[in-house]
Protein backbone atom coordinates (compact mmCIF):
# COMPACT_ATOMS: atom_id res chain seq x y z
CA MET A 1 3.03 -44.04 -16.66
CA PRO A 2 4.31 -41.61 -18.73
CA ILE A 3 3.73 -37.66 -18.93
CA TYR A 4 3.10 -35.85 -21.16
CA ASN A 5 3.71 -32.21 -22.42
CA TYR A 6 0.64 -31.48 -25.24
CA ILE A 7 -0.52 -28.98 -26.97
CA SER A 8 -4.48 -28.88 -27.80
CA VAL A 9 -7.11 -26.44 -28.65
CA GLU A 10 -10.65 -26.33 -27.68
CA PRO A 11 -13.88 -26.33 -29.62
CA SER A 12 -13.91 -22.93 -29.89
CA GLY A 13 -10.02 -22.52 -31.71
CA LYS A 14 -8.11 -21.43 -28.52
CA GLU A 15 -4.66 -23.16 -27.68
CA ARG A 16 -4.54 -25.47 -24.80
CA ARG A 17 -1.55 -26.17 -23.21
CA GLY A 18 -0.72 -28.87 -20.65
CA LYS A 19 0.56 -31.76 -18.87
CA MET A 20 -1.12 -35.15 -18.76
CA ASN A 21 -0.56 -38.64 -17.92
CA ALA A 22 -1.30 -41.47 -20.46
CA ASN A 23 -0.14 -45.14 -21.22
CA ASN A 24 0.55 -44.03 -25.14
CA PRO A 25 -0.12 -41.22 -27.45
CA LEU A 26 -2.99 -42.76 -28.87
CA ASP A 27 -3.90 -42.80 -25.07
CA LEU A 28 -3.15 -39.34 -24.16
CA GLU A 29 -5.19 -38.46 -27.55
CA ALA A 30 -8.15 -40.01 -26.21
CA ARG A 31 -8.26 -38.91 -22.61
CA LEU A 32 -8.06 -35.15 -24.30
CA ARG A 33 -11.34 -35.71 -26.83
CA GLU A 34 -12.85 -37.20 -23.62
CA ILE A 35 -12.58 -33.10 -22.15
CA LYS A 36 -13.33 -32.10 -25.46
CA LEU A 37 -10.04 -31.43 -26.49
CA GLU A 38 -7.87 -31.96 -30.11
CA LEU A 39 -4.50 -33.22 -29.94
CA VAL A 40 -2.00 -30.94 -32.04
CA ASP A 41 1.26 -31.56 -30.90
CA TYR A 42 2.90 -33.63 -27.97
CA LYS A 43 6.49 -34.37 -25.76
CA THR A 44 7.31 -37.13 -23.44
CA VAL A 45 8.43 -35.23 -20.21
CA SER A 46 9.40 -37.85 -18.15
CA ALA A 47 8.63 -41.82 -17.88
CA GLU A 48 7.08 -40.88 -14.49
CA ARG A 49 6.08 -37.90 -12.05
CA LYS A 50 8.96 -36.69 -10.39
CA GLN A 51 8.17 -36.25 -6.66
CA GLY A 52 8.67 -33.38 -4.65
CA VAL A 53 7.58 -31.18 -7.47
CA ARG A 54 4.48 -29.68 -6.44
CA SER A 55 1.82 -28.61 -9.07
CA LYS A 56 0.51 -25.48 -9.38
CA LEU A 57 -2.86 -25.53 -7.64
CA LYS A 58 -4.07 -23.16 -5.36
CA PRO A 59 -5.71 -23.90 -2.16
CA LYS A 60 -8.75 -22.95 -2.98
CA GLU A 61 -9.12 -24.97 -5.91
CA LEU A 62 -8.19 -27.89 -3.46
CA VAL A 63 -11.11 -26.50 -1.02
CA MET A 64 -13.22 -26.64 -3.79
CA PHE A 65 -12.01 -29.98 -4.94
CA CYS A 66 -13.30 -31.44 -0.98
CA VAL A 67 -16.30 -29.42 -0.84
CA HIS A 68 -17.81 -30.56 -4.01
CA MET A 69 -16.54 -34.01 -3.18
CA GLU A 70 -17.96 -34.19 0.12
CA GLU A 71 -21.38 -33.06 -1.23
CA LEU A 72 -21.65 -35.40 -3.99
CA GLU A 73 -20.99 -38.37 -2.00
CA LYS A 74 -23.19 -37.06 0.66
CA ALA A 75 -26.03 -36.97 -1.92
CA GLY A 76 -24.61 -40.54 -3.03
CA VAL A 77 -23.48 -39.37 -6.29
CA PRO A 78 -20.77 -42.15 -7.30
CA ILE A 79 -17.66 -40.92 -7.00
CA LEU A 80 -16.01 -41.54 -11.18
CA ASP A 81 -19.06 -39.56 -11.67
CA SER A 82 -18.12 -36.47 -9.18
CA LEU A 83 -14.62 -36.30 -10.50
CA ILE A 84 -15.97 -35.94 -14.01
CA ASP A 85 -18.73 -33.29 -13.22
CA LEU A 86 -15.52 -31.34 -11.65
CA ARG A 87 -13.66 -31.84 -14.30
CA ASP A 88 -15.63 -30.52 -17.18
CA SER A 89 -16.79 -27.37 -14.79
CA ALA A 90 -13.04 -26.74 -13.71
CA GLU A 91 -11.26 -23.44 -15.40
CA ASN A 92 -7.86 -24.06 -13.98
CA PRO A 93 -5.85 -26.37 -17.18
CA HIS A 94 -3.93 -27.83 -13.99
CA PHE A 95 -6.77 -28.80 -12.11
CA LYS A 96 -8.77 -30.00 -15.40
CA ASP A 97 -5.70 -32.29 -16.31
CA LEU A 98 -5.55 -33.79 -12.29
CA LEU A 99 -8.96 -34.67 -12.94
CA THR A 100 -8.68 -36.42 -15.49
CA ASP A 101 -5.70 -38.43 -14.40
CA LEU A 102 -7.59 -39.79 -11.51
CA CYS A 103 -10.42 -39.99 -13.28
CA GLU A 104 -8.55 -42.88 -15.65
CA PHE A 105 -7.26 -44.44 -12.57
CA LEU A 106 -10.22 -44.77 -11.07
CA LYS A 107 -11.39 -46.38 -14.70
CA GLY A 108 -8.57 -48.60 -14.19
CA GLY A 109 -9.80 -49.95 -11.15
CA ASP A 110 -8.01 -48.20 -8.65
CA GLN A 111 -9.73 -46.90 -5.45
CA LEU A 112 -9.59 -43.22 -4.69
CA SER A 113 -7.05 -42.94 -2.47
CA ALA A 114 -4.91 -45.11 -4.63
CA ALA A 115 -5.60 -42.79 -7.55
CA LEU A 116 -4.64 -39.91 -5.33
CA LYS A 117 -1.53 -40.92 -4.06
CA LYS A 118 -0.43 -41.48 -8.16
CA ARG A 119 -0.61 -37.87 -7.85
CA SER A 120 1.47 -37.03 -4.71
CA ASP A 121 2.59 -33.81 -6.55
CA VAL A 122 -0.83 -32.68 -5.51
CA PHE A 123 -1.66 -34.44 -2.65
CA ASP A 124 0.12 -35.12 0.71
CA GLU A 125 0.63 -38.20 3.04
CA LEU A 126 -2.00 -36.49 5.09
CA PHE A 127 -4.53 -36.35 2.54
CA VAL A 128 -4.13 -39.71 1.05
CA SER A 129 -4.01 -41.15 4.40
CA LEU A 130 -7.40 -39.46 5.62
CA ILE A 131 -9.22 -40.67 2.22
CA SER A 132 -8.00 -44.26 3.07
CA ALA A 133 -9.37 -44.29 6.52
CA GLY A 134 -12.60 -42.86 5.08
CA GLU A 135 -12.46 -45.44 2.40
CA GLU A 136 -12.29 -48.03 5.52
CA THR A 137 -14.78 -46.64 7.51
CA GLY A 138 -17.15 -45.70 4.96
CA ASN A 139 -17.55 -42.28 5.57
CA ILE A 140 -15.42 -40.55 2.49
CA GLY A 141 -17.60 -37.43 2.68
CA ASN A 142 -16.45 -36.88 6.61
CA ALA A 143 -12.68 -37.22 5.59
CA PHE A 144 -13.14 -34.59 2.82
CA GLY A 145 -14.91 -32.40 4.78
CA HIS A 146 -12.11 -32.66 7.70
CA LEU A 147 -9.54 -31.72 4.54
CA SER A 148 -11.64 -28.79 3.15
CA ARG A 149 -11.36 -27.33 6.92
CA HIS A 150 -8.04 -28.04 7.09
CA ILE A 151 -6.57 -26.46 3.94
CA LYS A 152 -8.80 -23.21 4.64
CA TRP A 153 -7.03 -23.34 8.25
CA SER A 154 -3.45 -24.02 7.34
CA ASN A 155 -4.20 -21.09 4.11
CA ASP A 156 -5.13 -18.70 6.88
CA PHE A 157 -2.49 -19.61 9.23
CA LYS A 158 0.16 -18.90 6.57
CA ARG A 159 -1.84 -15.82 5.73
CA LYS A 160 -1.63 -14.85 9.11
CA ILE A 161 2.33 -15.19 9.86
CA LYS A 162 3.11 -13.33 6.08
CA LYS A 163 1.32 -10.89 7.35
CA ALA A 164 2.43 -10.27 10.56
CA ILE A 165 6.30 -10.68 9.61
CA SER A 166 6.18 -8.46 6.47
CA TYR A 167 6.64 -4.83 7.75
CA PRO A 168 9.41 -6.02 10.29
CA ILE A 169 11.36 -7.44 7.26
CA VAL A 170 10.57 -4.32 5.18
CA LEU A 171 11.60 -2.42 7.88
CA VAL A 172 14.90 -4.56 8.62
CA VAL A 173 15.39 -4.17 4.74
CA VAL A 174 14.94 -0.06 4.89
CA MET A 175 17.23 0.37 8.52
CA ILE A 176 20.03 -1.97 7.06
CA SER A 177 19.81 0.39 3.57
CA VAL A 178 19.36 4.07 5.30
CA VAL A 179 22.85 2.81 7.74
CA THR A 180 24.75 1.12 4.22
CA LEU A 181 24.08 4.85 2.15
CA MET A 182 24.33 7.14 5.34
CA MET A 183 27.98 5.49 5.93
CA LEU A 184 28.77 5.04 2.08
CA PHE A 185 27.99 8.76 1.11
CA VAL A 186 27.24 11.06 4.10
CA VAL A 187 29.38 10.28 7.11
CA PRO A 188 32.38 10.30 5.07
CA GLN A 189 31.93 14.28 3.91
CA LEU A 190 31.06 14.64 7.87
CA THR A 191 33.79 13.07 8.84
CA ASP A 192 36.38 14.80 6.66
CA PHE A 193 35.47 17.94 7.41
CA LEU A 194 35.71 17.65 10.75
CA GLN A 195 39.24 15.84 10.38
CA LYS A 196 40.60 18.56 8.40
CA GLN A 197 39.70 21.56 11.25
CA GLY A 198 42.03 19.87 13.50
CA PHE A 199 39.07 19.08 15.96
CA ASP A 200 39.95 16.46 19.63
CA LEU A 201 37.67 13.73 18.38
CA PRO A 202 36.04 11.46 20.83
CA LEU A 203 36.31 7.92 21.07
CA HIS A 204 32.59 7.64 19.59
CA THR A 205 33.46 9.87 16.84
CA ARG A 206 36.63 7.50 16.13
CA ALA A 207 34.30 4.54 16.43
CA LEU A 208 32.23 6.68 13.46
CA ILE A 209 34.83 7.45 11.32
CA ALA A 210 36.07 3.53 11.59
CA THR A 211 32.85 2.26 10.90
CA SER A 212 32.57 4.97 7.65
CA ASN A 213 36.14 3.90 6.56
CA PHE A 214 35.24 0.12 6.46
CA PHE A 215 31.69 0.59 4.81
CA ALA A 216 33.77 2.82 2.24
CA GLU A 217 36.57 -0.54 1.37
CA TYR A 218 34.79 -3.03 2.16
CA TRP A 219 31.19 -2.26 0.96
CA TRP A 220 31.07 -5.45 -0.75
CA THR A 221 31.01 -7.20 2.31
CA VAL A 222 27.47 -5.42 3.27
CA VAL A 223 25.65 -6.00 -0.27
CA PHE A 224 26.96 -9.22 -1.36
CA GLY A 225 28.50 -10.40 2.42
CA ILE A 226 25.34 -10.15 3.98
CA PRO A 227 23.06 -12.42 1.89
CA ALA A 228 25.66 -15.19 1.03
CA ALA A 229 25.81 -15.82 4.60
CA PHE A 230 22.25 -15.70 4.91
CA VAL A 231 21.87 -18.06 2.26
CA ALA A 232 24.26 -19.98 3.46
CA PHE A 233 22.89 -20.18 6.88
CA ILE A 234 19.53 -21.17 5.19
CA LEU A 235 21.26 -24.03 3.19
CA LEU A 236 23.17 -25.48 6.26
CA TYR A 237 19.99 -25.43 8.24
CA ARG A 238 17.91 -27.33 5.97
CA ARG A 239 20.81 -30.15 4.73
CA ASN A 240 22.78 -30.48 8.38
CA GLU A 241 20.16 -32.37 10.80
CA ALA A 242 22.32 -31.94 13.69
CA PHE A 243 23.34 -27.58 12.77
CA ARG A 244 19.35 -27.80 12.81
CA TYR A 245 18.32 -29.42 15.97
CA LYS A 246 20.96 -27.42 17.58
CA ILE A 247 19.04 -23.55 16.33
CA ASP A 248 16.10 -25.21 17.03
CA LYS A 249 16.90 -26.16 20.17
CA TYR A 250 17.98 -22.50 21.11
CA VAL A 251 15.49 -20.90 19.09
CA LEU A 252 12.81 -22.67 21.52
CA LYS A 253 14.96 -20.73 24.52
CA PHE A 254 15.19 -17.23 22.76
CA PRO A 255 12.94 -14.40 24.40
CA GLY A 256 9.42 -13.81 22.95
CA ILE A 257 10.29 -15.66 19.81
CA GLY A 258 10.71 -19.08 21.52
CA SER A 259 7.31 -19.16 22.99
CA VAL A 260 5.24 -17.99 19.87
CA ILE A 261 7.43 -20.96 17.80
CA LEU A 262 6.32 -23.31 20.14
CA LYS A 263 3.10 -22.53 20.52
CA ILE A 264 2.89 -22.21 16.59
CA ASN A 265 4.30 -25.90 15.90
CA LEU A 266 1.84 -27.31 19.09
CA ALA A 267 -1.11 -25.44 16.99
CA ARG A 268 -0.14 -27.30 13.80
CA PHE A 269 0.67 -30.95 15.48
CA ILE A 270 -2.48 -30.79 17.69
CA LYS A 271 -4.71 -29.68 14.68
CA PHE A 272 -3.26 -32.09 12.56
CA PHE A 273 -3.34 -34.83 14.94
CA SER A 274 -7.24 -33.76 15.70
CA ILE A 275 -8.16 -34.13 11.90
CA THR A 276 -6.25 -37.75 11.43
CA PHE A 277 -7.49 -39.11 15.09
CA ASN A 278 -11.07 -38.01 14.30
CA SER A 279 -11.14 -39.63 10.63
CA GLY A 280 -10.75 -43.04 12.11
CA LEU A 281 -6.75 -43.32 12.41
CA GLY A 282 -5.09 -45.19 15.35
CA VAL A 283 -3.32 -43.21 17.70
CA LEU A 284 0.19 -44.18 16.31
CA GLU A 285 -1.04 -43.72 12.67
CA SER A 286 -2.30 -40.54 13.43
CA LEU A 287 0.70 -39.44 15.48
CA ALA A 288 3.43 -40.60 13.11
CA ILE A 289 1.54 -38.38 10.14
CA SER A 290 1.32 -35.52 12.42
CA ARG A 291 4.68 -35.58 13.40
CA LYS A 292 6.10 -34.70 9.89
CA VAL A 293 4.04 -30.90 10.20
CA VAL A 294 6.40 -30.23 13.34
CA THR A 295 8.94 -28.33 11.63
CA ASN A 296 11.08 -27.67 15.15
CA ARG A 297 13.96 -30.73 15.23
CA THR A 298 13.35 -30.48 19.26
CA LEU A 299 9.33 -31.18 19.57
CA ARG A 300 9.81 -33.59 16.59
CA GLU A 301 11.91 -35.83 18.82
CA ALA A 302 9.27 -35.47 21.41
CA VAL A 303 6.64 -36.48 19.26
CA ASP A 304 8.90 -39.88 18.17
CA HIS A 305 9.26 -40.48 22.09
CA SER A 306 5.87 -40.58 22.42
CA ILE A 307 5.27 -42.88 19.76
CA THR A 308 8.18 -45.10 21.20
CA ASN A 309 6.21 -45.19 24.32
CA ILE A 310 2.90 -45.78 23.29
CA SER A 311 3.89 -48.58 21.22
CA ASN A 312 5.43 -50.46 24.64
CA GLY A 313 1.88 -49.13 26.48
CA THR A 314 1.57 -46.58 27.98
CA ARG A 315 -1.24 -43.87 27.50
CA LEU A 316 -1.02 -41.45 25.24
CA ALA A 317 -1.24 -38.11 28.53
CA GLU A 318 1.56 -40.21 30.29
CA ALA A 319 3.86 -40.66 26.38
CA ILE A 320 3.76 -36.90 25.83
CA LYS A 321 3.94 -35.69 29.34
CA GLU A 322 7.64 -38.01 29.07
CA THR A 323 8.80 -35.93 26.71
CA ASP A 324 8.70 -32.19 28.96
CA ALA A 325 8.29 -30.92 26.00
CA PHE A 326 4.05 -30.36 25.63
CA PRO A 327 2.77 -27.51 28.39
CA SER A 328 0.80 -28.72 30.74
CA LEU A 329 -2.97 -27.79 29.65
CA VAL A 330 -2.47 -30.11 26.53
CA ILE A 331 -1.35 -32.79 28.39
CA ARG A 332 -4.44 -32.63 30.86
CA MET A 333 -6.74 -32.30 28.09
CA ILE A 334 -5.78 -35.52 26.56
CA LYS A 335 -5.56 -36.79 29.77
CA VAL A 336 -9.35 -35.62 30.40
CA GLY A 337 -10.35 -37.03 26.52
CA GLU A 338 -8.84 -40.43 27.51
CA ASP A 339 -10.55 -40.64 31.09
CA SER A 340 -13.96 -39.66 29.60
CA GLY A 341 -13.58 -41.58 26.41
CA ASN A 342 -14.20 -38.22 24.19
CA MET A 343 -11.10 -37.35 22.40
CA GLU A 344 -12.43 -35.46 20.10
CA SER A 345 -14.27 -32.97 22.34
CA ALA A 346 -10.36 -32.70 24.07
CA LEU A 347 -9.08 -31.99 21.42
CA SER A 348 -11.36 -29.46 19.93
CA ASN A 349 -10.81 -27.80 22.96
CA VAL A 350 -7.12 -27.70 22.74
CA ASN A 351 -7.38 -26.94 19.32
CA PHE A 352 -9.80 -23.53 19.93
CA PHE A 353 -6.97 -22.50 22.63
CA TYR A 354 -3.88 -22.55 20.53
CA GLU A 355 -5.89 -21.28 17.79
CA ARG A 356 -6.66 -18.13 19.99
CA GLU A 357 -3.26 -18.19 21.39
CA ILE A 358 -1.42 -17.95 18.17
CA ASP A 359 -3.23 -15.12 17.36
CA ASP A 360 -2.17 -13.08 20.17
CA SER A 361 1.05 -14.22 20.45
CA VAL A 362 1.89 -13.22 16.81
CA GLU A 363 0.83 -9.97 17.31
CA ALA A 364 2.49 -9.44 20.78
CA MET A 365 5.99 -10.45 18.90
CA VAL A 366 5.33 -7.93 16.25
CA ALA A 367 4.20 -5.02 18.96
CA MET A 368 7.85 -6.19 20.10
CA ILE A 369 10.08 -6.25 17.23
CA GLN A 370 8.63 -2.81 15.69
CA PRO A 371 9.87 -0.30 18.21
CA ALA A 372 13.08 -2.57 19.35
CA LEU A 373 14.25 -2.10 15.11
CA LEU A 374 12.60 1.55 15.83
CA LEU A 375 15.14 2.28 18.18
CA VAL A 376 18.00 0.42 16.73
CA LEU A 377 17.33 2.99 13.76
CA GLY A 378 17.25 5.70 16.03
CA GLY A 379 20.22 4.98 18.15
CA ILE A 380 22.23 4.53 14.98
CA LEU A 381 20.67 8.09 13.98
CA THR A 382 22.03 9.77 17.72
CA TRP A 383 25.49 7.76 17.25
CA VAL A 384 25.94 9.92 13.50
CA ILE A 385 24.46 13.27 15.19
CA ALA A 386 26.20 12.77 18.24
CA ALA A 387 29.56 11.85 16.94
CA VAL A 388 29.14 14.52 13.91
CA PHE A 389 28.03 18.22 15.93
CA GLY A 390 29.58 16.97 19.45
CA PRO A 391 33.12 17.65 18.38
CA ILE A 392 31.74 20.83 16.99
CA TYR A 393 29.87 22.29 19.73
CA ALA A 394 32.93 21.10 21.99
CA SER A 395 35.48 23.32 19.68
CA PHE A 396 33.64 25.63 17.90
CA SER A 397 36.23 28.25 18.95
CA LYS A 398 38.89 26.53 17.34
CA MET A 399 37.19 26.37 13.70
CA LYS A 400 39.29 27.76 11.15
CA PHE A 401 37.78 29.60 7.99
């Protein structure tokens, strides 16, 4: 179905722009009139929506969508009427266009999961799979409830991580900037003074002069080289699976940071697995979906091995134990859940534990990084002071005025 960029006007005369799926221009005009917009102009964008391009939809709007659909479904309101009601009250033009598309897909005979799948630029595989499971079990309301809680948790989790690492990143940038400016402008003047006095320069002073000369002659390698190397590393990490696997493997062994990354990946995996499993999906299908949220390739490989072992008849707890990648706590809780037939409670307990562990671990990591960076900056300043003033105090009597 073609996608159109359109220009329209509201009844108040206000101009509205957006994108919308439609079979043809007449269908586009009819769809816009349904949401009280008059078509002014349009342009065909493409024959179909590009995969991997995410629409401009905020997490709170997805949460509102899920909560709205959950409540109306439990109240017995038909899905199409729920979508129309939400569409008419939506303020975000992108959200309104999305809901219009979903309404049209449902009018065309699609189930809700099929309609959501057609808008994969907004709804990922997890979202579609949970709604599909809800349709099969006849409990779409619970599926939307799980999704709203999942989106809230993911959004809060990302916000915590960004908040935790923002200060260390700023501190690193400031430290690099201060050192660069000192080496380019301050240190050359001081070392030039020392050399003119004919002092016997110790090793640490000669090292400072050599470093300053390097910065003065090859400043572009610092200003452009470091960012270029960082970008090259990121591109290689994203595009080369072998390189990414090695980095992911070494990162897990890195003191302090490795344990935090392990807990973050495990928390995301357990959270997704719990949501999919409790929504009615089977163990294998839940694992297949949940593995995609594991960013560390070493852990993802462990999940793949678990899927293979379970396919061959191994129980879940035994399968993840054989990978040697999951902590004993996770294995014990899942085994208890399998033995008691109450996996939902077991997974809930693991979720609670790791959510608390992540908060504590991230705070501990940041508390470790900040003083370490300050020590590095303090060490550099101490080096500069000792290298400049050491020879002066040692050879004060030899100064020539």
